[in-house]
Amino acid sequence: MWIQREIELARPRGFHLVTEAVCEAMPEIAQLRVGLLHVFMRHTSASLTINENADPSVRVDYETSMNRLVPEGPTGYTHTIEGPDDMPAHIKASLMGASVQIPITEGRLNLGTWQGIYFCEHRDRGGPRTLVMTLQGE
């Protein structure tokens, strides 16, 4: 089986768990004994990652750490036409990545106990973002 579907998500700046939204948009996961789900972010200033899903403070620490690593403001960026958060957002998205791939086992995402899929919005006003999800398996 191969299925591909797109969903649009809009979230404010920050790190947002979207595991449930992804699973709801791809109910065919439950039909698979074994497979893979690939989730791809179609934007250059937002990213995806998998990490700790239990403690909400992780999201705050992620944002704080990324802002320390890639600061905004008068830092010498030459790509500034789209605002002071744009070039830093591109760099953060490149560091974190545009996609995640998750194994499917017996009709469920085979994530660790404390893992979830994060949608990482790096812009102050990023707007709607499109995720392309590709499911394969049997």
Protein backbone atom coordinates (compact mmCIF):
# COMPACT_ATOMS: atom_id res chain seq x y z
CA MET A 1 0.00 0.00 0.00
CA TRP A 2 1.15 3.50 -0.84
CA ILE A 3 -0.82 6.56 0.23
CA GLN A 4 0.18 10.19 0.06
CA ARG A 5 -1.75 13.00 1.67
CA GLU A 6 -1.17 16.64 2.55
CA ILE A 7 -2.39 18.49 5.60
CA GLU A 8 -2.16 22.16 6.42
CA LEU A 9 -1.27 23.29 9.93
CA ALA A 10 -0.93 26.78 11.35
CA ARG A 11 0.76 27.23 14.70
CA PRO A 12 2.35 30.22 16.42
CA ARG A 13 6.09 30.42 16.78
CA GLY A 14 7.43 27.56 18.88
CA PHE A 15 7.55 23.80 19.12
CA HIS A 16 4.23 21.97 18.79
CA LEU A 17 3.40 18.29 19.18
CA VAL A 18 1.49 17.16 16.07
CA THR A 19 1.60 13.38 16.43
CA GLU A 20 -2.15 13.17 16.95
CA ALA A 21 -2.93 15.46 13.99
CA VAL A 22 -0.68 13.36 11.73
CA CYS A 23 -2.31 10.10 12.84
CA GLU A 24 -5.82 11.52 12.41
CA ALA A 25 -4.97 12.63 8.88
CA MET A 26 -3.59 9.18 8.01
CA PRO A 27 -6.04 6.64 9.52
CA GLU A 28 -4.73 3.94 7.18
CA ILE A 29 -1.81 3.48 9.59
CA ALA A 30 -4.10 1.19 11.60
CA GLN A 31 -4.38 -1.19 8.63
CA LEU A 32 -0.66 -1.89 8.36
CA ARG A 33 1.22 -4.75 9.98
CA VAL A 34 4.57 -3.23 8.98
CA GLY A 35 5.44 -0.01 7.18
CA LEU A 36 6.90 3.47 7.20
CA LEU A 37 5.41 6.93 7.49
CA HIS A 38 7.42 9.74 5.99
CA VAL A 39 6.38 13.29 6.97
CA PHE A 40 7.87 16.20 4.98
CA MET A 41 7.62 19.94 5.72
CA ARG A 42 7.14 21.92 2.49
CA HIS A 43 8.61 25.15 3.85
CA THR A 44 12.09 26.55 4.43
CA SER A 45 11.49 28.37 7.70
CA ALA A 46 9.76 25.61 9.70
CA SER A 47 10.94 22.12 10.54
CA LEU A 48 10.06 18.71 11.95
CA THR A 49 11.70 16.62 14.63
CA ILE A 50 10.99 13.77 17.02
CA ASN A 51 11.62 14.24 20.72
CA GLU A 52 10.29 14.14 24.29
CA ASN A 53 6.50 14.44 24.33
CA ALA A 54 5.59 14.33 28.04
CA ASP A 55 6.96 17.45 29.72
CA PRO A 56 5.80 20.77 28.16
CA SER A 57 8.94 22.52 29.44
CA VAL A 58 10.87 20.70 26.70
CA ARG A 59 9.15 22.95 24.15
CA VAL A 60 10.25 26.09 25.99
CA ASP A 61 13.82 24.82 26.28
CA TYR A 62 13.88 23.96 22.57
CA GLU A 63 12.83 27.51 21.62
CA THR A 64 15.29 29.09 24.07
CA SER A 65 18.18 26.91 22.87
CA MET A 66 17.51 27.49 19.18
CA ASN A 67 17.33 31.27 19.75
CA ARG A 68 20.69 31.19 21.56
CA LEU A 69 22.22 29.09 18.81
CA VAL A 70 20.81 31.20 15.95
CA PRO A 71 20.08 34.72 17.24
CA GLU A 72 17.87 37.28 15.55
CA GLY A 73 18.41 41.00 15.20
CA PRO A 74 21.38 42.95 13.87
CA THR A 75 23.70 39.96 13.49
CA GLY A 76 25.10 40.57 10.03
CA TYR A 77 22.67 38.50 7.92
CA THR A 78 22.45 39.70 4.32
CA HIS A 79 19.04 38.08 3.60
CA THR A 80 16.84 40.51 5.54
CA ILE A 81 14.13 41.56 3.06
CA GLU A 82 11.51 39.32 4.72
CA GLY A 83 12.19 40.51 8.25
CA PRO A 84 14.64 39.92 11.10
CA ASP A 85 13.29 36.44 11.92
CA ASP A 86 13.47 35.09 8.35
CA MET A 87 17.13 34.16 7.85
CA PRO A 88 17.46 32.78 11.39
CA ALA A 89 14.33 30.69 10.69
CA HIS A 90 15.94 29.26 7.54
CA ILE A 91 19.06 28.31 9.47
CA LYS A 92 17.05 26.71 12.31
CA ALA A 93 14.99 24.73 9.79
CA SER A 94 18.17 23.47 8.11
CA LEU A 95 19.67 22.44 11.43
CA MET A 96 16.52 20.59 12.55
CA GLY A 97 15.46 19.10 9.23
CA ALA A 98 12.52 19.05 6.86
CA SER A 99 11.31 15.50 7.45
CA VAL A 100 10.93 12.58 9.81
CA GLN A 101 10.41 8.90 9.08
CA ILE A 102 8.64 6.64 11.56
CA PRO A 103 8.29 2.85 11.43
CA ILE A 104 4.79 1.37 11.61
CA THR A 105 4.34 -1.82 13.63
CA GLU A 106 1.01 -3.61 14.08
CA GLY A 107 -1.07 -0.59 13.09
CA ARG A 108 0.72 2.02 15.19
CA LEU A 109 3.58 4.46 14.92
CA ASN A 110 6.52 2.67 16.53
CA LEU A 111 7.70 5.66 18.55
CA GLY A 112 9.39 5.37 21.90
CA THR A 113 7.30 5.79 25.05
CA TRP A 114 8.18 9.47 25.41
CA GLN A 115 8.54 10.42 21.74
CA GLY A 116 6.32 12.63 19.64
CA ILE A 117 6.41 14.44 16.30
CA TYR A 118 7.12 18.15 16.62
CA PHE A 119 6.19 20.87 14.15
CA CYS A 120 8.72 23.63 14.76
CA GLU A 121 7.60 27.09 13.66
CA HIS A 122 10.60 29.40 13.55
CA ARG A 123 8.87 32.59 12.34
CA ASP A 124 6.85 35.08 14.35
CA ARG A 125 4.11 34.91 11.71
CA GLY A 126 4.73 31.79 9.66
CA GLY A 127 1.18 31.27 8.43
CA PRO A 128 -0.23 27.98 7.18
CA ARG A 129 2.32 25.20 6.62
CA THR A 130 1.85 22.11 4.48
CA LEU A 131 3.00 18.65 5.55
CA VAL A 132 3.25 15.91 2.93
CA MET A 133 2.74 12.48 4.47
CA THR A 134 3.65 9.33 2.56
CA LEU A 135 2.61 5.98 3.99
CA GLN A 136 3.90 2.65 2.71
CA GLY A 137 3.53 -0.84 4.02
CA GLU A 138 1.53 -4.02 4.15
